[in-house]
Amino acid sequence: MDANQQVIEILQSIVTERAVSIEHLDQSLDEYALDSMVFVALVIALENQFHFEFDDDHLILSAFSTLRSLADYVSEHSNQSEVPS
């Protein structure tokens, strides 16, 4: 399963009142009515699933305009954590 699909499944598990699918990648995250507490729960779930930590400047919802921007960030940073130092 690719990172986009995993991010979608995690978001769907948190935002149960609205359907989330791969077709929604370019929708604004505002459409999911996420508040700061729900966003923190989403960040924690993503960090646990992908084994990395969000940079401090990305710990606010406004850092991500769309679901795709969030999925791209997760994909990029989870890949970096696998590179040996």
PDB file of N, CA and C in Angstrom:
ATOM      1  N   MET A   1       0.847  -1.173   0.000  1.00  0.00           N
ATOM      2  CA  MET A   1       0.000   0.000   0.000  1.00  0.00           C
ATOM      3  C   MET A   1       0.897   1.241   0.000  1.00  0.00           C
ATOM      4  N   ASP A   2       0.584   2.219  -0.859  1.00  0.00           N
ATOM      5  CA  ASP A   2       1.425   3.401  -0.932  1.00  0.00           C
ATOM      6  C   ASP A   2       1.085   4.393   0.184  1.00  0.00           C
ATOM      7  N   ALA A   3       1.951   5.384   0.332  1.00  0.00           N
ATOM      8  CA  ALA A   3       1.812   6.356   1.419  1.00  0.00           C
ATOM      9  C   ALA A   3       0.513   7.141   1.312  1.00  0.00           C
ATOM     10  N   ASN A   4       0.127   7.514   0.085  1.00  0.00           N
ATOM     11  CA  ASN A   4      -1.128   8.261  -0.078  1.00  0.00           C
ATOM     12  C   ASN A   4      -2.297   7.485   0.500  1.00  0.00           C
ATOM     13  N   GLN A   5      -2.385   6.220   0.162  1.00  0.00           N
ATOM     14  CA  GLN A   5      -3.497   5.402   0.640  1.00  0.00           C
ATOM     15  C   GLN A   5      -3.444   5.231   2.160  1.00  0.00           C
ATOM     16  N   GLN A   6      -2.266   5.080   2.714  1.00  0.00           N
ATOM     17  CA  GLN A   6      -2.145   4.945   4.169  1.00  0.00           C
ATOM     18  C   GLN A   6      -2.578   6.223   4.870  1.00  0.00           C
ATOM     19  N   VAL A   7      -2.168   7.378   4.335  1.00  0.00           N
ATOM     20  CA  VAL A   7      -2.579   8.661   4.921  1.00  0.00           C
ATOM     21  C   VAL A   7      -4.099   8.790   4.857  1.00  0.00           C
ATOM     22  N   ILE A   8      -4.685   8.426   3.737  1.00  0.00           N
ATOM     23  CA  ILE A   8      -6.142   8.485   3.581  1.00  0.00           C
ATOM     24  C   ILE A   8      -6.831   7.591   4.607  1.00  0.00           C
ATOM     25  N   GLU A   9      -6.335   6.384   4.786  1.00  0.00           N
ATOM     26  CA  GLU A   9      -6.949   5.471   5.748  1.00  0.00           C
ATOM     27  C   GLU A   9      -6.843   5.991   7.174  1.00  0.00           C
ATOM     28  N   ILE A  10      -5.705   6.596   7.510  1.00  0.00           N
ATOM     29  CA  ILE A  10      -5.540   7.152   8.857  1.00  0.00           C
ATOM     30  C   ILE A  10      -6.487   8.330   9.048  1.00  0.00           C
ATOM     31  N   LEU A  11      -6.568   9.227   8.056  1.00  0.00           N
ATOM     32  CA  LEU A  11      -7.501  10.347   8.154  1.00  0.00           C
ATOM     33  C   LEU A  11      -8.931   9.831   8.277  1.00  0.00           C
ATOM     34  N   GLN A  12      -9.291   8.818   7.494  1.00  0.00           N
ATOM     35  CA  GLN A  12     -10.652   8.265   7.553  1.00  0.00           C
ATOM     36  C   GLN A  12     -10.955   7.695   8.933  1.00  0.00           C
ATOM     37  N   SER A  13      -9.970   7.101   9.576  1.00  0.00           N
ATOM     38  CA  SER A  13     -10.208   6.538  10.910  1.00  0.00           C
ATOM     39  C   SER A  13     -10.442   7.630  11.959  1.00  0.00           C
ATOM     40  N   ILE A  14      -9.945   8.825  11.684  1.00  0.00           N
ATOM     41  CA  ILE A  14     -10.102   9.944  12.627  1.00  0.00           C
ATOM     42  C   ILE A  14     -11.334  10.775  12.291  1.00  0.00           C
ATOM     43  N   VAL A  15     -11.582  10.988  11.018  1.00  0.00           N
ATOM     44  CA  VAL A  15     -12.718  11.800  10.551  1.00  0.00           C
ATOM     45  C   VAL A  15     -13.779  10.829  10.027  1.00  0.00           C
ATOM     46  N   THR A  16     -14.567  10.309  10.911  1.00  0.00           N
ATOM     47  CA  THR A  16     -15.495   9.243  10.539  1.00  0.00           C
ATOM     48  C   THR A  16     -16.775   9.747   9.887  1.00  0.00           C
ATOM     49  N   GLU A  17     -17.088  11.041  10.041  1.00  0.00           N
ATOM     50  CA  GLU A  17     -18.353  11.533   9.505  1.00  0.00           C
ATOM     51  C   GLU A  17     -18.283  11.932   8.032  1.00  0.00           C
ATOM     52  N   ARG A  18     -17.119  11.835   7.422  1.00  0.00           N
ATOM     53  CA  ARG A  18     -16.958  12.211   6.011  1.00  0.00           C
ATOM     54  C   ARG A  18     -16.092  11.175   5.307  1.00  0.00           C
ATOM     55  N   ALA A  19     -16.488  10.785   4.118  1.00  0.00           N
ATOM     56  CA  ALA A  19     -15.721   9.812   3.336  1.00  0.00           C
ATOM     57  C   ALA A  19     -14.441  10.454   2.811  1.00  0.00           C
ATOM     58  N   VAL A  20     -13.360   9.697   2.876  1.00  0.00           N
ATOM     59  CA  VAL A  20     -12.071  10.148   2.362  1.00  0.00           C
ATOM     60  C   VAL A  20     -11.591   9.088   1.381  1.00  0.00           C
ATOM     61  N   SER A  21     -11.180   9.524   0.185  1.00  0.00           N
ATOM     62  CA  SER A  21     -10.680   8.569  -0.797  1.00  0.00           C
ATOM     63  C   SER A  21      -9.572   9.205  -1.621  1.00  0.00           C
ATOM     64  N   ILE A  22      -8.934   8.409  -2.444  1.00  0.00           N
ATOM     65  CA  ILE A  22      -7.825   8.863  -3.279  1.00  0.00           C
ATOM     66  C   ILE A  22      -8.270  10.005  -4.197  1.00  0.00           C
ATOM     67  N   GLU A  23      -9.535  10.043  -4.564  1.00  0.00           N
ATOM     68  CA  GLU A  23     -10.061  11.116  -5.410  1.00  0.00           C
ATOM     69  C   GLU A  23     -10.081  12.454  -4.686  1.00  0.00           C
ATOM     70  N   HIS A  24      -9.941  12.452  -3.372  1.00  0.00           N
ATOM     71  CA  HIS A  24     -10.001  13.673  -2.569  1.00  0.00           C
ATOM     72  C   HIS A  24      -8.631  14.282  -2.283  1.00  0.00           C
ATOM     73  N   LEU A  25      -7.579  13.773  -2.900  1.00  0.00           N
ATOM     74  CA  LEU A  25      -6.230  14.249  -2.591  1.00  0.00           C
ATOM     75  C   LEU A  25      -6.057  15.750  -2.793  1.00  0.00           C
ATOM     76  N   ASP A  26      -6.754  16.334  -3.749  1.00  0.00           N
ATOM     77  CA  ASP A  26      -6.577  17.752  -4.034  1.00  0.00           C
ATOM     78  C   ASP A  26      -7.611  18.642  -3.348  1.00  0.00           C
ATOM     79  N   GLN A  27      -8.418  18.066  -2.487  1.00  0.00           N
ATOM     80  CA  GLN A  27      -9.370  18.863  -1.719  1.00  0.00           C
ATOM     81  C   GLN A  27      -8.659  19.547  -0.567  1.00  0.00           C
ATOM     82  N   SER A  28      -9.173  20.691  -0.213  1.00  0.00           N
ATOM     83  CA  SER A  28      -8.640  21.428   0.931  1.00  0.00           C
ATOM     84  C   SER A  28      -8.874  20.616   2.206  1.00  0.00           C
ATOM     85  N   LEU A  29      -7.914  20.662   3.097  1.00  0.00           N
ATOM     86  CA  LEU A  29      -8.105  19.996   4.390  1.00  0.00           C
ATOM     87  C   LEU A  29      -9.207  20.677   5.201  1.00  0.00           C
ATOM     88  N   ASP A  30      -9.518  21.929   4.869  1.00  0.00           N
ATOM     89  CA  ASP A  30     -10.620  22.637   5.537  1.00  0.00           C
ATOM     90  C   ASP A  30     -11.945  21.902   5.368  1.00  0.00           C
ATOM     91  N   GLU A  31     -12.078  21.146   4.281  1.00  0.00           N
ATOM     92  CA  GLU A  31     -13.318  20.422   4.005  1.00  0.00           C
ATOM     93  C   GLU A  31     -13.608  19.331   5.038  1.00  0.00           C
ATOM     94  N   TYR A  32     -12.594  18.949   5.799  1.00  0.00           N
ATOM     95  CA  TYR A  32     -12.774  17.893   6.800  1.00  0.00           C
ATOM     96  C   TYR A  32     -13.059  18.451   8.190  1.00  0.00           C
ATOM     97  N   ALA A  33     -13.169  19.774   8.281  1.00  0.00           N
ATOM     98  CA  ALA A  33     -13.498  20.448   9.543  1.00  0.00           C
ATOM     99  C   ALA A  33     -12.601  19.985  10.693  1.00  0.00           C
ATOM    100  N   LEU A  34     -11.305  19.909  10.417  1.00  0.00           N
ATOM    101  CA  LEU A  34     -10.362  19.497  11.451  1.00  0.00           C
ATOM    102  C   LEU A  34     -10.119  20.657  12.412  1.00  0.00           C
ATOM    103  N   ASP A  35     -10.219  20.389  13.689  1.00  0.00           N
ATOM    104  CA  ASP A  35      -9.800  21.397  14.662  1.00  0.00           C
ATOM    105  C   ASP A  35      -8.399  21.023  15.133  1.00  0.00           C
ATOM    106  N   SER A  36      -7.829  21.834  16.004  1.00  0.00           N
ATOM    107  CA  SER A  36      -6.435  21.603  16.399  1.00  0.00           C
ATOM    108  C   SER A  36      -6.252  20.266  17.113  1.00  0.00           C
ATOM    109  N   MET A  37      -7.222  19.853  17.905  1.00  0.00           N
ATOM    110  CA  MET A  37      -7.102  18.584  18.628  1.00  0.00           C
ATOM    111  C   MET A  37      -7.158  17.394  17.666  1.00  0.00           C
ATOM    112  N   VAL A  38      -8.015  17.460  16.689  1.00  0.00           N
ATOM    113  CA  VAL A  38      -8.116  16.389  15.698  1.00  0.00           C
ATOM    114  C   VAL A  38      -6.849  16.363  14.851  1.00  0.00           C
ATOM    115  N   PHE A  39      -6.326  17.539  14.509  1.00  0.00           N
ATOM    116  CA  PHE A  39      -5.090  17.585  13.730  1.00  0.00           C
ATOM    117  C   PHE A  39      -3.937  16.966  14.521  1.00  0.00           C
ATOM    118  N   VAL A  40      -3.842  17.240  15.806  1.00  0.00           N
ATOM    119  CA  VAL A  40      -2.793  16.643  16.635  1.00  0.00           C
ATOM    120  C   VAL A  40      -2.942  15.122  16.657  1.00  0.00           C
ATOM    121  N   ALA A  41      -4.158  14.625  16.773  1.00  0.00           N
ATOM    122  CA  ALA A  41      -4.386  13.174  16.741  1.00  0.00           C
ATOM    123  C   ALA A  41      -3.943  12.591  15.407  1.00  0.00           C
ATOM    124  N   LEU A  42      -4.215  13.314  14.318  1.00  0.00           N
ATOM    125  CA  LEU A  42      -3.790  12.872  12.989  1.00  0.00           C
ATOM    126  C   LEU A  42      -2.272  12.843  12.886  1.00  0.00           C
ATOM    127  N   VAL A  43      -1.608  13.880  13.366  1.00  0.00           N
ATOM    128  CA  VAL A  43      -0.141  13.938  13.337  1.00  0.00           C
ATOM    129  C   VAL A  43       0.456  12.775  14.117  1.00  0.00           C
ATOM    130  N   ILE A  44      -0.054  12.526  15.299  1.00  0.00           N
ATOM    131  CA  ILE A  44       0.465  11.431  16.128  1.00  0.00           C
ATOM    132  C   ILE A  44       0.277  10.088  15.421  1.00  0.00           C
ATOM    133  N   ALA A  45      -0.881   9.877  14.837  1.00  0.00           N
ATOM    134  CA  ALA A  45      -1.141   8.615  14.117  1.00  0.00           C
ATOM    135  C   ALA A  45      -0.188   8.465  12.932  1.00  0.00           C
ATOM    136  N   LEU A  46       0.040   9.565  12.200  1.00  0.00           N
ATOM    137  CA  LEU A  46       0.954   9.509  11.053  1.00  0.00           C
ATOM    138  C   LEU A  46       2.390   9.268  11.504  1.00  0.00           C
ATOM    139  N   GLU A  47       2.806   9.940  12.573  1.00  0.00           N
ATOM    140  CA  GLU A  47       4.163   9.722  13.088  1.00  0.00           C
ATOM    141  C   GLU A  47       4.360   8.274  13.523  1.00  0.00           C
ATOM    142  N   ASN A  48       3.369   7.708  14.173  1.00  0.00           N
ATOM    143  CA  ASN A  48       3.469   6.313  14.615  1.00  0.00           C
ATOM    144  C   ASN A  48       3.496   5.343  13.441  1.00  0.00           C
ATOM    145  N   GLN A  49       2.656   5.579  12.448  1.00  0.00           N
ATOM    146  CA  GLN A  49       2.581   4.692  11.295  1.00  0.00           C
ATOM    147  C   GLN A  49       3.842   4.756  10.450  1.00  0.00           C
ATOM    148  N   PHE A  50       4.379   5.958  10.253  1.00  0.00           N
ATOM    149  CA  PHE A  50       5.490   6.152   9.317  1.00  0.00           C
ATOM    150  C   PHE A  50       6.845   6.316  10.001  1.00  0.00           C
ATOM    151  N   HIS A  51       6.881   6.289  11.328  1.00  0.00           N
ATOM    152  CA  HIS A  51       8.130   6.295  12.093  1.00  0.00           C
ATOM    153  C   HIS A  51       9.009   7.518  11.818  1.00  0.00           C
ATOM    154  N   PHE A  52       8.424   8.690  11.933  1.00  0.00           N
ATOM    155  CA  PHE A  52       9.184   9.934  11.853  1.00  0.00           C
ATOM    156  C   PHE A  52       8.442  10.977  12.678  1.00  0.00           C
ATOM    157  N   GLU A  53       9.089  12.112  12.916  1.00  0.00           N
ATOM    158  CA  GLU A  53       8.449  13.205  13.645  1.00  0.00           C
ATOM    159  C   GLU A  53       8.265  14.402  12.728  1.00  0.00           C
ATOM    160  N   PHE A  54       7.109  15.016  12.808  1.00  0.00           N
ATOM    161  CA  PHE A  54       6.850  16.235  12.051  1.00  0.00           C
ATOM    162  C   PHE A  54       7.796  17.330  12.542  1.00  0.00           C
ATOM    163  N   ASP A  55       8.313  18.130  11.616  1.00  0.00           N
ATOM    164  CA  ASP A  55       9.087  19.310  11.990  1.00  0.00           C
ATOM    165  C   ASP A  55       8.163  20.265  12.736  1.00  0.00           C
ATOM    166  N   ASP A  56       8.734  21.025  13.670  1.00  0.00           N
ATOM    167  CA  ASP A  56       7.928  21.936  14.479  1.00  0.00           C
ATOM    168  C   ASP A  56       7.098  22.898  13.637  1.00  0.00           C
ATOM    169  N   ASP A  57       7.660  23.389  12.538  1.00  0.00           N
ATOM    170  CA  ASP A  57       6.922  24.348  11.716  1.00  0.00           C
ATOM    171  C   ASP A  57       5.807  23.700  10.893  1.00  0.00           C
ATOM    172  N   HIS A  58       5.657  22.385  10.994  1.00  0.00           N
ATOM    173  CA  HIS A  58       4.571  21.685  10.310  1.00  0.00           C
ATOM    174  C   HIS A  58       3.560  21.088  11.296  1.00  0.00           C
ATOM    175  N   LEU A  59       3.611  21.547  12.527  1.00  0.00           N
ATOM    176  CA  LEU A  59       2.680  21.049  13.535  1.00  0.00           C
ATOM    177  C   LEU A  59       1.416  21.901  13.623  1.00  0.00           C
ATOM    178  N   ILE A  60       1.138  22.652  12.571  1.00  0.00           N
ATOM    179  CA  ILE A  60      -0.089  23.434  12.503  1.00  0.00           C
ATOM    180  C   ILE A  60      -0.822  23.081  11.210  1.00  0.00           C
ATOM    181  N   LEU A  61      -2.112  23.041  11.294  1.00  0.00           N
ATOM    182  CA  LEU A  61      -2.932  22.637  10.159  1.00  0.00           C
ATOM    183  C   LEU A  61      -2.706  23.536   8.950  1.00  0.00           C
ATOM    184  N   SER A  62      -2.470  24.818   9.168  1.00  0.00           N
ATOM    185  CA  SER A  62      -2.312  25.750   8.044  1.00  0.00           C
ATOM    186  C   SER A  62      -1.055  25.471   7.216  1.00  0.00           C
ATOM    187  N   ALA A  63      -0.182  24.600   7.696  1.00  0.00           N
ATOM    188  CA  ALA A  63       1.019  24.231   6.929  1.00  0.00           C
ATOM    189  C   ALA A  63       0.656  23.349   5.735  1.00  0.00           C
ATOM    190  N   PHE A  64      -0.549  22.812   5.706  1.00  0.00           N
ATOM    191  CA  PHE A  64      -0.973  21.900   4.645  1.00  0.00           C
ATOM    192  C   PHE A  64      -2.280  22.401   4.033  1.00  0.00           C
ATOM    193  N   SER A  65      -2.248  22.704   2.754  1.00  0.00           N
ATOM    194  CA  SER A  65      -3.453  23.228   2.107  1.00  0.00           C
ATOM    195  C   SER A  65      -4.391  22.114   1.637  1.00  0.00           C
ATOM    196  N   THR A  66      -3.820  20.996   1.220  1.00  0.00           N
ATOM    197  CA  THR A  66      -4.633  19.891   0.699  1.00  0.00           C
ATOM    198  C   THR A  66      -4.195  18.576   1.329  1.00  0.00           C
ATOM    199  N   LEU A  67      -5.009  17.576   1.137  1.00  0.00           N
ATOM    200  CA  LEU A  67      -4.658  16.232   1.585  1.00  0.00           C
ATOM    201  C   LEU A  67      -3.397  15.760   0.870  1.00  0.00           C
ATOM    202  N   ARG A  68      -3.253  16.123  -0.411  1.00  0.00           N
ATOM    203  CA  ARG A  68      -2.045  15.751  -1.157  1.00  0.00           C
ATOM    204  C   ARG A  68      -0.790  16.382  -0.537  1.00  0.00           C
ATOM    205  N   SER A  69      -0.864  17.637  -0.119  1.00  0.00           N
ATOM    206  CA  SER A  69       0.314  18.278   0.468  1.00  0.00           C
ATOM    207  C   SER A  69       0.717  17.573   1.765  1.00  0.00           C
ATOM    208  N   LEU A  70      -0.262  17.130   2.536  1.00  0.00           N
ATOM    209  CA  LEU A  70       0.028  16.365   3.748  1.00  0.00           C
ATOM    210  C   LEU A  70       0.621  15.006   3.399  1.00  0.00           C
ATOM    211  N   ALA A  71       0.027  14.309   2.449  1.00  0.00           N
ATOM    212  CA  ALA A  71       0.526  12.989   2.043  1.00  0.00           C
ATOM    213  C   ALA A  71       1.934  13.093   1.462  1.00  0.00           C
ATOM    214  N   ASP A  72       2.193  14.131   0.676  1.00  0.00           N
ATOM    215  CA  ASP A  72       3.531  14.329   0.109  1.00  0.00           C
ATOM    216  C   ASP A  72       4.558  14.576   1.203  1.00  0.00           C
ATOM    217  N   TYR A  73       4.184  15.384   2.200  1.00  0.00           N
ATOM    218  CA  TYR A  73       5.085  15.655   3.321  1.00  0.00           C
ATOM    219  C   TYR A  73       5.407  14.359   4.062  1.00  0.00           C
ATOM    220  N   VAL A  74       4.392  13.579   4.336  1.00  0.00           N
ATOM    221  CA  VAL A  74       4.591  12.304   5.042  1.00  0.00           C
ATOM    222  C   VAL A  74       5.480  11.380   4.221  1.00  0.00           C
ATOM    223  N   SER A  75       5.205  11.259   2.949  1.00  0.00           N
ATOM    224  CA  SER A  75       5.987  10.381   2.082  1.00  0.00           C
ATOM    225  C   SER A  75       7.449  10.818   2.041  1.00  0.00           C
ATOM    226  N   GLU A  76       7.668  12.098   1.867  1.00  0.00           N
ATOM    227  CA  GLU A  76       9.032  12.627   1.809  1.00  0.00           C
ATOM    228  C   GLU A  76       9.804  12.398   3.108  1.00  0.00           C
ATOM    229  N   HIS A  77       9.158  12.653   4.228  1.00  0.00           N
ATOM    230  CA  HIS A  77       9.858  12.533   5.516  1.00  0.00           C
ATOM    231  C   HIS A  77       9.980  11.102   5.992  1.00  0.00           C
ATOM    232  N   SER A  78       9.038  10.260   5.652  1.00  0.00           N
ATOM    233  CA  SER A  78       9.167   8.863   6.076  1.00  0.00           C
ATOM    234  C   SER A  78      10.285   8.188   5.265  1.00  0.00           C
ATOM    235  N   ASN A  79      10.496   8.583   4.019  1.00  0.00           N
ATOM    236  CA  ASN A  79      11.584   8.050   3.219  1.00  0.00           C
ATOM    237  C   ASN A  79      12.937   8.517   3.753  1.00  0.00           C
ATOM    238  N   GLN A  80      13.007   9.741   4.224  1.00  0.00           N
ATOM    239  CA  GLN A  80      14.256  10.272   4.764  1.00  0.00           C
ATOM    240  C   GLN A  80      14.669   9.505   6.016  1.00  0.00           C
ATOM    241  N   SER A  81      13.687   9.078   6.798  1.00  0.00           N
ATOM    242  CA  SER A  81      14.034   8.361   8.031  1.00  0.00           C
ATOM    243  C   SER A  81      14.612   6.991   7.757  1.00  0.00           C
ATOM    244  N   GLU A  82      14.453   6.480   6.533  1.00  0.00           N
ATOM    245  CA  GLU A  82      14.987   5.166   6.196  1.00  0.00           C
ATOM    246  C   GLU A  82      16.406   5.231   5.631  1.00  0.00           C
ATOM    247  N   VAL A  83      16.876   6.448   5.332  1.00  0.00           N
ATOM    248  CA  VAL A  83      18.208   6.610   4.748  1.00  0.00           C
ATOM    249  C   VAL A  83      19.233   6.522   5.875  1.00  0.00           C
ATOM    250  N   PRO A  84      20.247   5.646   5.750  1.00  0.00           N
ATOM    251  CA  PRO A  84      21.250   5.548   6.797  1.00  0.00           C
ATOM    252  C   PRO A  84      22.055   6.825   6.908  1.00  0.00           C
ATOM    253  N   SER A  85      22.426   7.190   8.141  1.00  0.00           N
ATOM    254  CA  SER A  85      23.209   8.412   8.315  1.00  0.00           C
ATOM    255  C   SER A  85      24.691   8.150   8.358  1.00  0.00           C
TER     256      SER A  85
END
